[in-house]
Amino acid sequence: MIKASTNRYVNLLKNSGFHALFGDEDNKDVVIGVLNMLLPAHHQVTDFTYLRTELHGPLLTNREYRYDFVCRDTAGLTFIVEMQCYDEAYWFKRCVSYCCRSYDRLTVKGEKKEDEEQEAEEKTKKGAGKENVTDSIITLEPTGYDVPPLYFIGFMGIDLKHEDEQAWEGRFISEYTFMEKTTHELQDETIFIIFAELKRFNKSEEECVTSQDKLLYLFKHIGELEDDENWNKDKFWQRFFEACEIAAFSEKKRAQYEQDMYDERRFQGQLAASYNNGLEAGIAEGREEGREEGREEERLESAKKMVGAGVDIDLVCSTLGVDKAALLEK
């Protein structure tokens, strides 16, 4: 049996809690508020449409990539939001890769591309050959490069290393974009990567004065709180607590949330046991034989099978120690 959560609010540092908040269309007002606290004044969101979170990569290799949450607002801006709970090699490079792929998709007719992809998926399911699938995709009509900016927002439950840590003392939001190195001239608005560094955020509730401080505090601690007594005077924070309150979930959503939590714990335990009992012995044997490359391939194959069986990809990568980008290329 699945043990029900004893916490009042979801843990937003877990994928299950993050998806419960961002994946529910009834919480659009809360999601909009969260986005606007991290976005510049000239790109504030008023409404948005949910987009698919699993998309095809380069079609010749039939790769796929998955996001935690993707939406597009009424001005045409695209937003990718990720919760990074586990350490991962080359995390920043993966973010850049995700952004570049998604930005490139904006240079073709969105509706036509979605239709073509859907058609390709149907043909694949029916056993159509690769040649036919490829032909149906590559004939897309370009629309040029005058596209709205794309924002990647990452809530970081892990350390994001900085070259000069002292320069970042008291700063918990980092922003990256294409800018001229010397003059800092912004030639045009294209891709923006914003990190909310939750692990480094160490302020107490009483020290949180700005909206950003309060947001980071709740993302880090709401799963531990018992009530909203100190927050219910503000309408937005009251809605934030309501959206995260487990008892307020519908029966279907509650069941899904509990299942997600159960799967997260179970798979973490299973993968840890598998790694400790089997992979360490294999790694030691591989070192003795000098077969580093073969060992890495074996781990990637194991990770691929686990992801195919429904195991969360972040859990697989963190436990088996494989690179997520390399896994997505398999």
C-alpha atoms as a PDB file:
ATOM      1  CA  MET A   1       0.000   0.000   0.000  1.00  0.00           C
ATOM      2  CA  ILE A   2       1.072   3.576  -0.625  1.00  0.00           C
ATOM      3  CA  LYS A   3       1.580   5.467   2.610  1.00  0.00           C
ATOM      4  CA  ALA A   4      -0.155   8.837   2.586  1.00  0.00           C
ATOM      5  CA  SER A   5       1.942  11.919   3.213  1.00  0.00           C
ATOM      6  CA  THR A   6       1.776  13.306   6.757  1.00  0.00           C
ATOM      7  CA  ASN A   7       2.919  16.761   5.660  1.00  0.00           C
ATOM      8  CA  ARG A   8       0.363  19.477   5.116  1.00  0.00           C
ATOM      9  CA  TYR A   9       2.074  21.000   2.081  1.00  0.00           C
ATOM     10  CA  VAL A  10       4.011  19.490  -0.808  1.00  0.00           C
ATOM     11  CA  ASN A  11       7.794  19.490  -0.819  1.00  0.00           C
ATOM     12  CA  LEU A  12       8.705  21.647  -3.815  1.00  0.00           C
ATOM     13  CA  LEU A  13      12.283  20.326  -3.767  1.00  0.00           C
ATOM     14  CA  LYS A  14      10.896  16.976  -4.920  1.00  0.00           C
ATOM     15  CA  ASN A  15       9.727  16.324  -8.464  1.00  0.00           C
ATOM     16  CA  SER A  16       6.376  15.103  -7.113  1.00  0.00           C
ATOM     17  CA  GLY A  17       5.722  18.376  -5.295  1.00  0.00           C
ATOM     18  CA  PHE A  18       7.018  20.550  -8.120  1.00  0.00           C
ATOM     19  CA  HIS A  19       4.755  18.835 -10.655  1.00  0.00           C
ATOM     20  CA  ALA A  20       1.769  19.064  -8.309  1.00  0.00           C
ATOM     21  CA  LEU A  21       2.124  22.848  -8.282  1.00  0.00           C
ATOM     22  CA  PHE A  22       3.218  23.626 -11.842  1.00  0.00           C
ATOM     23  CA  GLY A  23       1.372  20.875 -13.661  1.00  0.00           C
ATOM     24  CA  ASP A  24      -2.117  21.766 -12.428  1.00  0.00           C
ATOM     25  CA  GLU A  25      -3.953  24.221 -14.674  1.00  0.00           C
ATOM     26  CA  ASP A  26      -5.974  25.399 -11.677  1.00  0.00           C
ATOM     27  CA  ASN A  27      -2.731  26.892 -10.348  1.00  0.00           C
ATOM     28  CA  LYS A  28      -2.065  29.118 -13.364  1.00  0.00           C
ATOM     29  CA  ASP A  29      -2.481  32.275 -11.282  1.00  0.00           C
ATOM     30  CA  VAL A  30       0.154  31.045  -8.834  1.00  0.00           C
ATOM     31  CA  VAL A  31       2.543  29.982 -11.612  1.00  0.00           C
ATOM     32  CA  ILE A  32       2.143  33.389 -13.276  1.00  0.00           C
ATOM     33  CA  GLY A  33       2.982  35.079  -9.977  1.00  0.00           C
ATOM     34  CA  VAL A  34       6.069  32.913  -9.536  1.00  0.00           C
ATOM     35  CA  LEU A  35       7.303  33.629 -13.070  1.00  0.00           C
ATOM     36  CA  ASN A  36       6.768  37.372 -12.730  1.00  0.00           C
ATOM     37  CA  MET A  37       8.886  37.527  -9.564  1.00  0.00           C
ATOM     38  CA  LEU A  38      11.847  36.249 -11.573  1.00  0.00           C
ATOM     39  CA  LEU A  39      11.241  37.995 -14.908  1.00  0.00           C
ATOM     40  CA  PRO A  40      12.107  41.582 -15.920  1.00  0.00           C
ATOM     41  CA  ALA A  41       9.377  44.220 -15.816  1.00  0.00           C
ATOM     42  CA  HIS A  42       9.012  44.358 -19.620  1.00  0.00           C
ATOM     43  CA  HIS A  43       8.340  40.621 -19.869  1.00  0.00           C
ATOM     44  CA  GLN A  44       5.680  40.078 -17.237  1.00  0.00           C
ATOM     45  CA  VAL A  45       3.219  37.240 -17.905  1.00  0.00           C
ATOM     46  CA  THR A  46      -0.555  37.794 -17.933  1.00  0.00           C
ATOM     47  CA  ASP A  47      -1.655  34.396 -19.237  1.00  0.00           C
ATOM     48  CA  PHE A  48      -0.055  31.330 -20.770  1.00  0.00           C
ATOM     49  CA  THR A  49      -0.715  28.058 -22.552  1.00  0.00           C
ATOM     50  CA  TYR A  50       0.741  24.738 -21.448  1.00  0.00           C
ATOM     51  CA  LEU A  51       3.069  23.133 -23.997  1.00  0.00           C
ATOM     52  CA  ARG A  52       4.234  19.555 -24.419  1.00  0.00           C
ATOM     53  CA  THR A  53       7.061  18.600 -22.061  1.00  0.00           C
ATOM     54  CA  GLU A  54       8.432  15.752 -24.172  1.00  0.00           C
ATOM     55  CA  LEU A  55       9.704  16.667 -27.616  1.00  0.00           C
ATOM     56  CA  HIS A  56      11.625  15.039 -30.436  1.00  0.00           C
ATOM     57  CA  GLY A  57      15.253  15.952 -30.819  1.00  0.00           C
ATOM     58  CA  PRO A  58      17.283  15.600 -34.042  1.00  0.00           C
ATOM     59  CA  LEU A  59      15.092  13.369 -36.156  1.00  0.00           C
ATOM     60  CA  LEU A  60      17.811  11.374 -37.870  1.00  0.00           C
ATOM     61  CA  THR A  61      18.734   9.888 -34.498  1.00  0.00           C
ATOM     62  CA  ASN A  62      15.195  10.032 -33.087  1.00  0.00           C
ATOM     63  CA  ARG A  63      16.391  11.505 -29.794  1.00  0.00           C
ATOM     64  CA  GLU A  64      13.981  13.004 -27.319  1.00  0.00           C
ATOM     65  CA  TYR A  65      14.288  15.555 -24.548  1.00  0.00           C
ATOM     66  CA  ARG A  66      11.967  16.223 -21.638  1.00  0.00           C
ATOM     67  CA  TYR A  67      11.209  19.286 -19.573  1.00  0.00           C
ATOM     68  CA  ASP A  68       9.561  19.580 -16.172  1.00  0.00           C
ATOM     69  CA  PHE A  69       7.281  22.429 -17.284  1.00  0.00           C
ATOM     70  CA  VAL A  70       6.917  24.456 -20.488  1.00  0.00           C
ATOM     71  CA  CYS A  71       4.485  27.237 -21.367  1.00  0.00           C
ATOM     72  CA  ARG A  72       4.062  30.122 -23.797  1.00  0.00           C
ATOM     73  CA  ASP A  73       2.481  33.421 -22.829  1.00  0.00           C
ATOM     74  CA  THR A  74       0.172  35.651 -24.847  1.00  0.00           C
ATOM     75  CA  ALA A  75       3.133  37.722 -26.101  1.00  0.00           C
ATOM     76  CA  GLY A  76       4.733  34.606 -27.589  1.00  0.00           C
ATOM     77  CA  LEU A  77       7.503  34.204 -25.011  1.00  0.00           C
ATOM     78  CA  THR A  78       8.402  30.609 -24.154  1.00  0.00           C
ATOM     79  CA  PHE A  79       9.230  29.575 -20.606  1.00  0.00           C
ATOM     80  CA  ILE A  80      10.965  26.372 -19.534  1.00  0.00           C
ATOM     81  CA  VAL A  81      10.946  25.733 -15.785  1.00  0.00           C
ATOM     82  CA  GLU A  82      12.985  22.957 -14.150  1.00  0.00           C
ATOM     83  CA  MET A  83      13.480  21.782 -10.586  1.00  0.00           C
ATOM     84  CA  GLN A  84      17.003  20.363 -10.247  1.00  0.00           C
ATOM     85  CA  CYS A  85      17.057  18.208  -7.135  1.00  0.00           C
ATOM     86  CA  TYR A  86      20.124  16.059  -7.792  1.00  0.00           C
ATOM     87  CA  ASP A  87      23.748  16.701  -8.598  1.00  0.00           C
ATOM     88  CA  GLU A  88      24.508  16.321 -12.274  1.00  0.00           C
ATOM     89  CA  ALA A  89      27.645  16.742 -14.324  1.00  0.00           C
ATOM     90  CA  TYR A  90      27.476  19.445 -17.003  1.00  0.00           C
ATOM     91  CA  TRP A  91      24.160  20.805 -15.714  1.00  0.00           C
ATOM     92  CA  PHE A  92      24.710  24.263 -17.219  1.00  0.00           C
ATOM     93  CA  LYS A  93      25.620  22.793 -20.608  1.00  0.00           C
ATOM     94  CA  ARG A  94      22.423  20.732 -20.558  1.00  0.00           C
ATOM     95  CA  CYS A  95      20.421  23.886 -19.886  1.00  0.00           C
ATOM     96  CA  VAL A  96      22.067  25.596 -22.857  1.00  0.00           C
ATOM     97  CA  SER A  97      21.352  22.559 -25.032  1.00  0.00           C
ATOM     98  CA  TYR A  98      17.677  22.549 -24.019  1.00  0.00           C
ATOM     99  CA  CYS A  99      17.347  26.258 -24.688  1.00  0.00           C
ATOM    100  CA  CYS A 100      19.028  26.092 -28.085  1.00  0.00           C
ATOM    101  CA  ARG A 101      16.835  23.227 -29.238  1.00  0.00           C
ATOM    102  CA  SER A 102      13.663  24.969 -28.124  1.00  0.00           C
ATOM    103  CA  TYR A 103      14.727  28.321 -29.555  1.00  0.00           C
ATOM    104  CA  ASP A 104      15.431  26.678 -32.902  1.00  0.00           C
ATOM    105  CA  ARG A 105      11.893  25.290 -32.914  1.00  0.00           C
ATOM    106  CA  LEU A 106      10.577  28.846 -32.739  1.00  0.00           C
ATOM    107  CA  THR A 107      12.019  29.633 -36.170  1.00  0.00           C
ATOM    108  CA  VAL A 108       9.505  27.370 -37.917  1.00  0.00           C
ATOM    109  CA  LYS A 109       5.738  27.477 -37.944  1.00  0.00           C
ATOM    110  CA  GLY A 110       4.749  26.213 -34.537  1.00  0.00           C
ATOM    111  CA  GLU A 111       1.361  24.801 -35.441  1.00  0.00           C
ATOM    112  CA  LYS A 112       2.664  23.090 -38.539  1.00  0.00           C
ATOM    113  CA  LYS A 113       5.594  21.589 -36.656  1.00  0.00           C
ATOM    114  CA  GLU A 114       3.285  20.240 -33.962  1.00  0.00           C
ATOM    115  CA  ASP A 115       1.032  18.745 -36.635  1.00  0.00           C
ATOM    116  CA  GLU A 116       3.990  17.193 -38.452  1.00  0.00           C
ATOM    117  CA  GLU A 117       5.352  15.729 -35.222  1.00  0.00           C
ATOM    118  CA  GLN A 118       1.983  14.284 -34.337  1.00  0.00           C
ATOM    119  CA  GLU A 119       1.744  12.738 -37.805  1.00  0.00           C
ATOM    120  CA  ALA A 120       5.254  11.327 -37.438  1.00  0.00           C
ATOM    121  CA  GLU A 121       4.364   9.789 -34.082  1.00  0.00           C
ATOM    122  CA  GLU A 122       1.272   8.176 -35.561  1.00  0.00           C
ATOM    123  CA  LYS A 123       3.279   6.734 -38.450  1.00  0.00           C
ATOM    124  CA  THR A 124       5.922   5.439 -36.055  1.00  0.00           C
ATOM    125  CA  LYS A 125       3.302   3.719 -33.941  1.00  0.00           C
ATOM    126  CA  LYS A 126       1.848   2.118 -37.065  1.00  0.00           C
ATOM    127  CA  GLY A 127       5.245   0.853 -38.147  1.00  0.00           C
ATOM    128  CA  ALA A 128       6.029   3.407 -40.841  1.00  0.00           C
ATOM    129  CA  GLY A 129       9.642   3.459 -42.012  1.00  0.00           C
ATOM    130  CA  LYS A 130      12.184   6.033 -40.871  1.00  0.00           C
ATOM    131  CA  GLU A 131      12.390   7.502 -44.354  1.00  0.00           C
ATOM    132  CA  ASN A 132       8.709   8.450 -44.399  1.00  0.00           C
ATOM    133  CA  VAL A 133       8.869   9.988 -40.918  1.00  0.00           C
ATOM    134  CA  THR A 134      11.898  12.073 -41.824  1.00  0.00           C
ATOM    135  CA  ASP A 135      10.353  13.282 -45.069  1.00  0.00           C
ATOM    136  CA  SER A 136       7.254  14.490 -43.242  1.00  0.00           C
ATOM    137  CA  ILE A 137       9.327  16.663 -40.900  1.00  0.00           C
ATOM    138  CA  ILE A 138      12.101  18.265 -42.926  1.00  0.00           C
ATOM    139  CA  THR A 139       9.732  20.032 -45.349  1.00  0.00           C
ATOM    140  CA  LEU A 140       8.745  22.638 -42.730  1.00  0.00           C
ATOM    141  CA  GLU A 141       8.430  26.168 -44.047  1.00  0.00           C
ATOM    142  CA  PRO A 142      10.829  28.594 -42.291  1.00  0.00           C
ATOM    143  CA  THR A 143       9.383  31.776 -40.799  1.00  0.00           C
ATOM    144  CA  GLY A 144      12.666  33.553 -40.126  1.00  0.00           C
ATOM    145  CA  TYR A 145      14.508  34.428 -36.943  1.00  0.00           C
ATOM    146  CA  ASP A 146      12.422  37.297 -35.592  1.00  0.00           C
ATOM    147  CA  VAL A 147      11.101  35.260 -32.668  1.00  0.00           C
ATOM    148  CA  PRO A 148      10.275  36.239 -29.079  1.00  0.00           C
ATOM    149  CA  PRO A 149      12.811  35.496 -26.338  1.00  0.00           C
ATOM    150  CA  LEU A 150      12.984  32.173 -24.539  1.00  0.00           C
ATOM    151  CA  TYR A 151      13.462  31.945 -20.774  1.00  0.00           C
ATOM    152  CA  PHE A 152      14.847  28.964 -18.881  1.00  0.00           C
ATOM    153  CA  ILE A 153      14.189  29.148 -15.124  1.00  0.00           C
ATOM    154  CA  GLY A 154      15.915  26.591 -12.941  1.00  0.00           C
ATOM    155  CA  PHE A 155      15.115  26.157  -9.256  1.00  0.00           C
ATOM    156  CA  MET A 156      18.364  24.772  -7.898  1.00  0.00           C
ATOM    157  CA  GLY A 157      18.243  22.337  -5.001  1.00  0.00           C
ATOM    158  CA  ILE A 158      21.964  21.747  -5.597  1.00  0.00           C
ATOM    159  CA  ASP A 159      25.036  23.965  -5.507  1.00  0.00           C
ATOM    160  CA  LEU A 160      25.742  26.097  -8.541  1.00  0.00           C
ATOM    161  CA  LYS A 161      29.451  26.798  -8.290  1.00  0.00           C
ATOM    162  CA  HIS A 162      30.721  30.341  -8.922  1.00  0.00           C
ATOM    163  CA  GLU A 163      34.300  31.283  -9.672  1.00  0.00           C
ATOM    164  CA  ASP A 164      34.296  34.037  -7.034  1.00  0.00           C
ATOM    165  CA  GLU A 165      31.958  32.962  -4.247  1.00  0.00           C
ATOM    166  CA  GLN A 166      32.514  36.191  -2.309  1.00  0.00           C
ATOM    167  CA  ALA A 167      31.063  38.198  -5.182  1.00  0.00           C
ATOM    168  CA  TRP A 168      27.871  36.175  -4.813  1.00  0.00           C
ATOM    169  CA  GLU A 169      27.497  36.651  -1.067  1.00  0.00           C
ATOM    170  CA  GLY A 170      23.841  37.486  -0.389  1.00  0.00           C
ATOM    171  CA  ARG A 171      22.850  36.907  -4.040  1.00  0.00           C
ATOM    172  CA  PHE A 172      20.632  33.962  -4.852  1.00  0.00           C
ATOM    173  CA  ILE A 173      19.366  34.753  -8.370  1.00  0.00           C
ATOM    174  CA  SER A 174      21.814  34.356 -11.253  1.00  0.00           C
ATOM    175  CA  GLU A 175      21.034  35.362 -14.836  1.00  0.00           C
ATOM    176  CA  TYR A 176      22.835  34.478 -18.060  1.00  0.00           C
ATOM    177  CA  THR A 177      22.357  35.578 -21.670  1.00  0.00           C
ATOM    178  CA  PHE A 178      24.290  36.425 -24.849  1.00  0.00           C
ATOM    179  CA  MET A 179      26.090  39.702 -24.178  1.00  0.00           C
ATOM    180  CA  GLU A 180      29.207  41.435 -25.530  1.00  0.00           C
ATOM    181  CA  LYS A 181      32.011  40.531 -23.174  1.00  0.00           C
ATOM    182  CA  THR A 182      33.625  43.950 -22.702  1.00  0.00           C
ATOM    183  CA  THR A 183      30.825  46.492 -23.082  1.00  0.00           C
ATOM    184  CA  HIS A 184      28.004  44.170 -21.898  1.00  0.00           C
ATOM    185  CA  GLU A 185      26.037  45.290 -24.938  1.00  0.00           C
ATOM    186  CA  LEU A 186      22.889  43.220 -25.482  1.00  0.00           C
ATOM    187  CA  GLN A 187      22.571  42.985 -29.253  1.00  0.00           C
ATOM    188  CA  ASP A 188      19.117  41.387 -29.085  1.00  0.00           C
ATOM    189  CA  GLU A 189      16.936  39.451 -26.690  1.00  0.00           C
ATOM    190  CA  THR A 190      17.232  35.739 -27.449  1.00  0.00           C
ATOM    191  CA  ILE A 191      17.861  33.152 -24.721  1.00  0.00           C
ATOM    192  CA  PHE A 192      17.893  33.898 -20.998  1.00  0.00           C
ATOM    193  CA  ILE A 193      18.819  31.414 -18.268  1.00  0.00           C
ATOM    194  CA  ILE A 194      17.789  32.261 -14.714  1.00  0.00           C
ATOM    195  CA  PHE A 195      18.770  30.192 -11.682  1.00  0.00           C
ATOM    196  CA  ALA A 196      17.074  30.466  -8.300  1.00  0.00           C
ATOM    197  CA  GLU A 197      19.788  29.044  -6.052  1.00  0.00           C
ATOM    198  CA  LEU A 198      17.785  27.465  -3.250  1.00  0.00           C
ATOM    199  CA  LYS A 199      20.588  25.505  -1.623  1.00  0.00           C
ATOM    200  CA  ARG A 200      22.608  28.662  -0.944  1.00  0.00           C
ATOM    201  CA  PHE A 201      19.542  30.534   0.294  1.00  0.00           C
ATOM    202  CA  ASN A 202      19.981  30.684   4.066  1.00  0.00           C
ATOM    203  CA  LYS A 203      17.674  33.475   5.219  1.00  0.00           C
ATOM    204  CA  SER A 204      15.215  32.897   8.031  1.00  0.00           C
ATOM    205  CA  GLU A 205      11.521  33.616   7.569  1.00  0.00           C
ATOM    206  CA  GLU A 206      11.895  36.874   9.510  1.00  0.00           C
ATOM    207  CA  GLU A 207      14.740  38.012   7.238  1.00  0.00           C
ATOM    208  CA  CYS A 208      12.670  37.610   4.072  1.00  0.00           C
ATOM    209  CA  VAL A 209      11.570  41.089   3.023  1.00  0.00           C
ATOM    210  CA  THR A 210      11.400  41.093  -0.764  1.00  0.00           C
ATOM    211  CA  SER A 211       9.017  38.996  -2.850  1.00  0.00           C
ATOM    212  CA  GLN A 212      11.965  37.052  -4.266  1.00  0.00           C
ATOM    213  CA  ASP A 213      13.215  36.231  -0.771  1.00  0.00           C
ATOM    214  CA  LYS A 214       9.793  34.989   0.252  1.00  0.00           C
ATOM    215  CA  LEU A 215       9.481  32.920  -2.906  1.00  0.00           C
ATOM    216  CA  LEU A 216      12.838  31.224  -2.378  1.00  0.00           C
ATOM    217  CA  TYR A 217      12.074  30.603   1.285  1.00  0.00           C
ATOM    218  CA  LEU A 218       8.796  28.876   0.485  1.00  0.00           C
ATOM    219  CA  PHE A 219      10.260  26.834  -2.345  1.00  0.00           C
ATOM    220  CA  LYS A 220      12.845  25.573   0.114  1.00  0.00           C
ATOM    221  CA  HIS A 221      10.751  25.206   3.270  1.00  0.00           C
ATOM    222  CA  ILE A 222       7.013  25.004   2.561  1.00  0.00           C
ATOM    223  CA  GLY A 223       7.066  21.218   2.861  1.00  0.00           C
ATOM    224  CA  GLU A 224       8.139  21.631   6.499  1.00  0.00           C
ATOM    225  CA  LEU A 225       5.549  24.253   7.483  1.00  0.00           C
ATOM    226  CA  GLU A 226       2.400  23.441   9.450  1.00  0.00           C
ATOM    227  CA  ASP A 227       0.283  26.480   8.578  1.00  0.00           C
ATOM    228  CA  ASP A 228       0.217  29.788   6.682  1.00  0.00           C
ATOM    229  CA  GLU A 229      -0.348  31.971   9.741  1.00  0.00           C
ATOM    230  CA  ASN A 230       2.441  34.409   8.895  1.00  0.00           C
ATOM    231  CA  TRP A 231       1.591  34.532   5.200  1.00  0.00           C
ATOM    232  CA  ASN A 232      -2.192  34.723   4.849  1.00  0.00           C
ATOM    233  CA  LYS A 233      -2.382  38.528   4.976  1.00  0.00           C
ATOM    234  CA  ASP A 234      -1.180  38.663   1.382  1.00  0.00           C
ATOM    235  CA  LYS A 235      -3.574  37.319  -1.253  1.00  0.00           C
ATOM    236  CA  PHE A 236      -0.885  35.849  -3.485  1.00  0.00           C
ATOM    237  CA  TRP A 237       0.887  33.942  -0.716  1.00  0.00           C
ATOM    238  CA  GLN A 238      -2.452  32.698   0.527  1.00  0.00           C
ATOM    239  CA  ARG A 239      -3.097  31.259  -2.945  1.00  0.00           C
ATOM    240  CA  PHE A 240       0.427  29.824  -2.999  1.00  0.00           C
ATOM    241  CA  PHE A 241      -0.259  27.899   0.200  1.00  0.00           C
ATOM    242  CA  GLU A 242      -3.649  26.769  -1.085  1.00  0.00           C
ATOM    243  CA  ALA A 243      -2.064  25.421  -4.284  1.00  0.00           C
ATOM    244  CA  CYS A 244       0.479  23.466  -2.238  1.00  0.00           C
ATOM    245  CA  GLU A 245      -1.945  22.101   0.379  1.00  0.00           C
ATOM    246  CA  ILE A 246      -2.250  18.355  -0.090  1.00  0.00           C
ATOM    247  CA  ALA A 247      -5.657  18.097   1.571  1.00  0.00           C
ATOM    248  CA  ALA A 248      -7.077  20.479  -1.062  1.00  0.00           C
ATOM    249  CA  PHE A 249      -6.124  18.180  -3.948  1.00  0.00           C
ATOM    250  CA  SER A 250      -8.856  16.406  -5.836  1.00  0.00           C
ATOM    251  CA  GLU A 251      -9.076  12.685  -5.245  1.00  0.00           C
ATOM    252  CA  LYS A 252      -7.410  11.991  -8.588  1.00  0.00           C
ATOM    253  CA  LYS A 253      -4.612  14.503  -8.047  1.00  0.00           C
ATOM    254  CA  ARG A 254      -4.012  13.295  -4.492  1.00  0.00           C
ATOM    255  CA  ALA A 255      -3.691   9.710  -5.703  1.00  0.00           C
ATOM    256  CA  GLN A 256      -1.252  10.755  -8.426  1.00  0.00           C
ATOM    257  CA  TYR A 257       0.791  12.827  -5.975  1.00  0.00           C
ATOM    258  CA  GLU A 258       1.048   9.984  -3.478  1.00  0.00           C
ATOM    259  CA  GLN A 259       1.990   7.594  -6.271  1.00  0.00           C
ATOM    260  CA  ASP A 260       4.671   9.992  -7.519  1.00  0.00           C
ATOM    261  CA  MET A 261       6.095  10.313  -4.013  1.00  0.00           C
ATOM    262  CA  TYR A 262       6.053   6.560  -3.528  1.00  0.00           C
ATOM    263  CA  ASP A 263       7.736   5.948  -6.873  1.00  0.00           C
ATOM    264  CA  GLU A 264      10.356   8.583  -6.130  1.00  0.00           C
ATOM    265  CA  ARG A 265      11.307   6.964  -2.830  1.00  0.00           C
ATOM    266  CA  ARG A 266      11.102   3.400  -4.120  1.00  0.00           C
ATOM    267  CA  PHE A 267      13.130   4.008  -7.245  1.00  0.00           C
ATOM    268  CA  GLN A 268      15.736   5.957  -5.280  1.00  0.00           C
ATOM    269  CA  GLY A 269      16.092   3.032  -2.900  1.00  0.00           C
ATOM    270  CA  GLN A 270      16.175   0.448  -5.664  1.00  0.00           C
ATOM    271  CA  LEU A 271      18.717   2.345  -7.711  1.00  0.00           C
ATOM    272  CA  ALA A 272      20.917   2.971  -4.680  1.00  0.00           C
ATOM    273  CA  ALA A 273      20.821  -0.736  -3.785  1.00  0.00           C
ATOM    274  CA  SER A 274      21.536  -1.701  -7.383  1.00  0.00           C
ATOM    275  CA  TYR A 275      24.455   0.672  -7.525  1.00  0.00           C
ATOM    276  CA  ASN A 276      25.934  -0.377  -4.177  1.00  0.00           C
ATOM    277  CA  ASN A 277      25.462  -4.121  -4.638  1.00  0.00           C
ATOM    278  CA  GLY A 278      26.141  -4.559  -8.322  1.00  0.00           C
ATOM    279  CA  LEU A 279      27.686  -1.614 -10.071  1.00  0.00           C
ATOM    280  CA  GLU A 280      30.490  -0.980  -7.579  1.00  0.00           C
ATOM    281  CA  ALA A 281      31.675  -4.548  -8.031  1.00  0.00           C
ATOM    282  CA  GLY A 282      31.464  -4.139 -11.800  1.00  0.00           C
ATOM    283  CA  ILE A 283      33.334  -0.855 -11.651  1.00  0.00           C
ATOM    284  CA  ALA A 284      36.101  -2.361  -9.506  1.00  0.00           C
ATOM    285  CA  GLU A 285      36.443  -5.288 -11.886  1.00  0.00           C
ATOM    286  CA  GLY A 286      36.451  -2.953 -14.858  1.00  0.00           C
ATOM    287  CA  ARG A 287      39.235  -0.855 -13.340  1.00  0.00           C
ATOM    288  CA  GLU A 288      41.363  -3.928 -12.871  1.00  0.00           C
ATOM    289  CA  GLU A 289      40.918  -4.818 -16.508  1.00  0.00           C
ATOM    290  CA  GLY A 290      41.270  -1.255 -17.740  1.00  0.00           C
ATOM    291  CA  ARG A 291      37.869  -1.239 -19.399  1.00  0.00           C
ATOM    292  CA  GLU A 292      36.657   2.251 -18.529  1.00  0.00           C
ATOM    293  CA  GLU A 293      34.857   2.811 -21.810  1.00  0.00           C
ATOM    294  CA  GLY A 294      32.963  -0.457 -21.663  1.00  0.00           C
ATOM    295  CA  ARG A 295      31.966   0.180 -18.078  1.00  0.00           C
ATOM    296  CA  GLU A 296      30.496   3.566 -18.903  1.00  0.00           C
ATOM    297  CA  GLU A 297      28.540   2.091 -21.814  1.00  0.00           C
ATOM    298  CA  GLU A 298      27.127  -0.588 -19.530  1.00  0.00           C
ATOM    299  CA  ARG A 299      25.940   2.005 -17.026  1.00  0.00           C
ATOM    300  CA  LEU A 300      24.359   4.047 -19.808  1.00  0.00           C
ATOM    301  CA  GLU A 301      22.538   0.980 -21.102  1.00  0.00           C
ATOM    302  CA  SER A 302      21.251   0.195 -17.602  1.00  0.00           C
ATOM    303  CA  ALA A 303      20.144   3.792 -17.172  1.00  0.00           C
ATOM    304  CA  LYS A 304      18.379   3.738 -20.558  1.00  0.00           C
ATOM    305  CA  LYS A 305      16.410   0.627 -19.583  1.00  0.00           C
ATOM    306  CA  MET A 306      15.371   2.161 -16.240  1.00  0.00           C
ATOM    307  CA  VAL A 307      14.181   5.384 -17.895  1.00  0.00           C
ATOM    308  CA  GLY A 308      12.289   3.307 -20.453  1.00  0.00           C
ATOM    309  CA  ALA A 309      10.599   1.480 -17.585  1.00  0.00           C
ATOM    310  CA  GLY A 310       9.325   4.771 -16.181  1.00  0.00           C
ATOM    311  CA  VAL A 311      12.012   5.649 -13.646  1.00  0.00           C
ATOM    312  CA  ASP A 312      12.541   9.415 -13.233  1.00  0.00           C
ATOM    313  CA  ILE A 313      15.532  10.359 -15.370  1.00  0.00           C
ATOM    314  CA  ASP A 314      17.037  12.651 -12.709  1.00  0.00           C
ATOM    315  CA  LEU A 315      16.910   9.841 -10.147  1.00  0.00           C
ATOM    316  CA  VAL A 316      18.589   7.467 -12.597  1.00  0.00           C
ATOM    317  CA  CYS A 317      21.397   9.893 -13.449  1.00  0.00           C
ATOM    318  CA  SER A 318      22.097  10.923  -9.854  1.00  0.00           C
ATOM    319  CA  THR A 319      22.156   7.352  -8.551  1.00  0.00           C
ATOM    320  CA  LEU A 320      24.044   5.643 -11.360  1.00  0.00           C
ATOM    321  CA  GLY A 321      26.388   8.589 -11.871  1.00  0.00           C
ATOM    322  CA  VAL A 322      25.744   8.918 -15.595  1.00  0.00           C
ATOM    323  CA  ASP A 323      25.650  12.125 -17.588  1.00  0.00           C
ATOM    324  CA  LYS A 324      22.086  13.136 -18.463  1.00  0.00           C
ATOM    325  CA  ALA A 325      23.101  14.634 -21.804  1.00  0.00           C
ATOM    326  CA  ALA A 326      24.851  11.383 -22.767  1.00  0.00           C
ATOM    327  CA  LEU A 327      21.786   9.408 -21.686  1.00  0.00           C
ATOM    328  CA  LEU A 328      19.442  11.560 -23.777  1.00  0.00           C
ATOM    329  CA  GLU A 329      21.653  10.941 -26.801  1.00  0.00           C
ATOM    330  CA  LYS A 330      21.270   7.159 -26.483  1.00  0.00           C
END
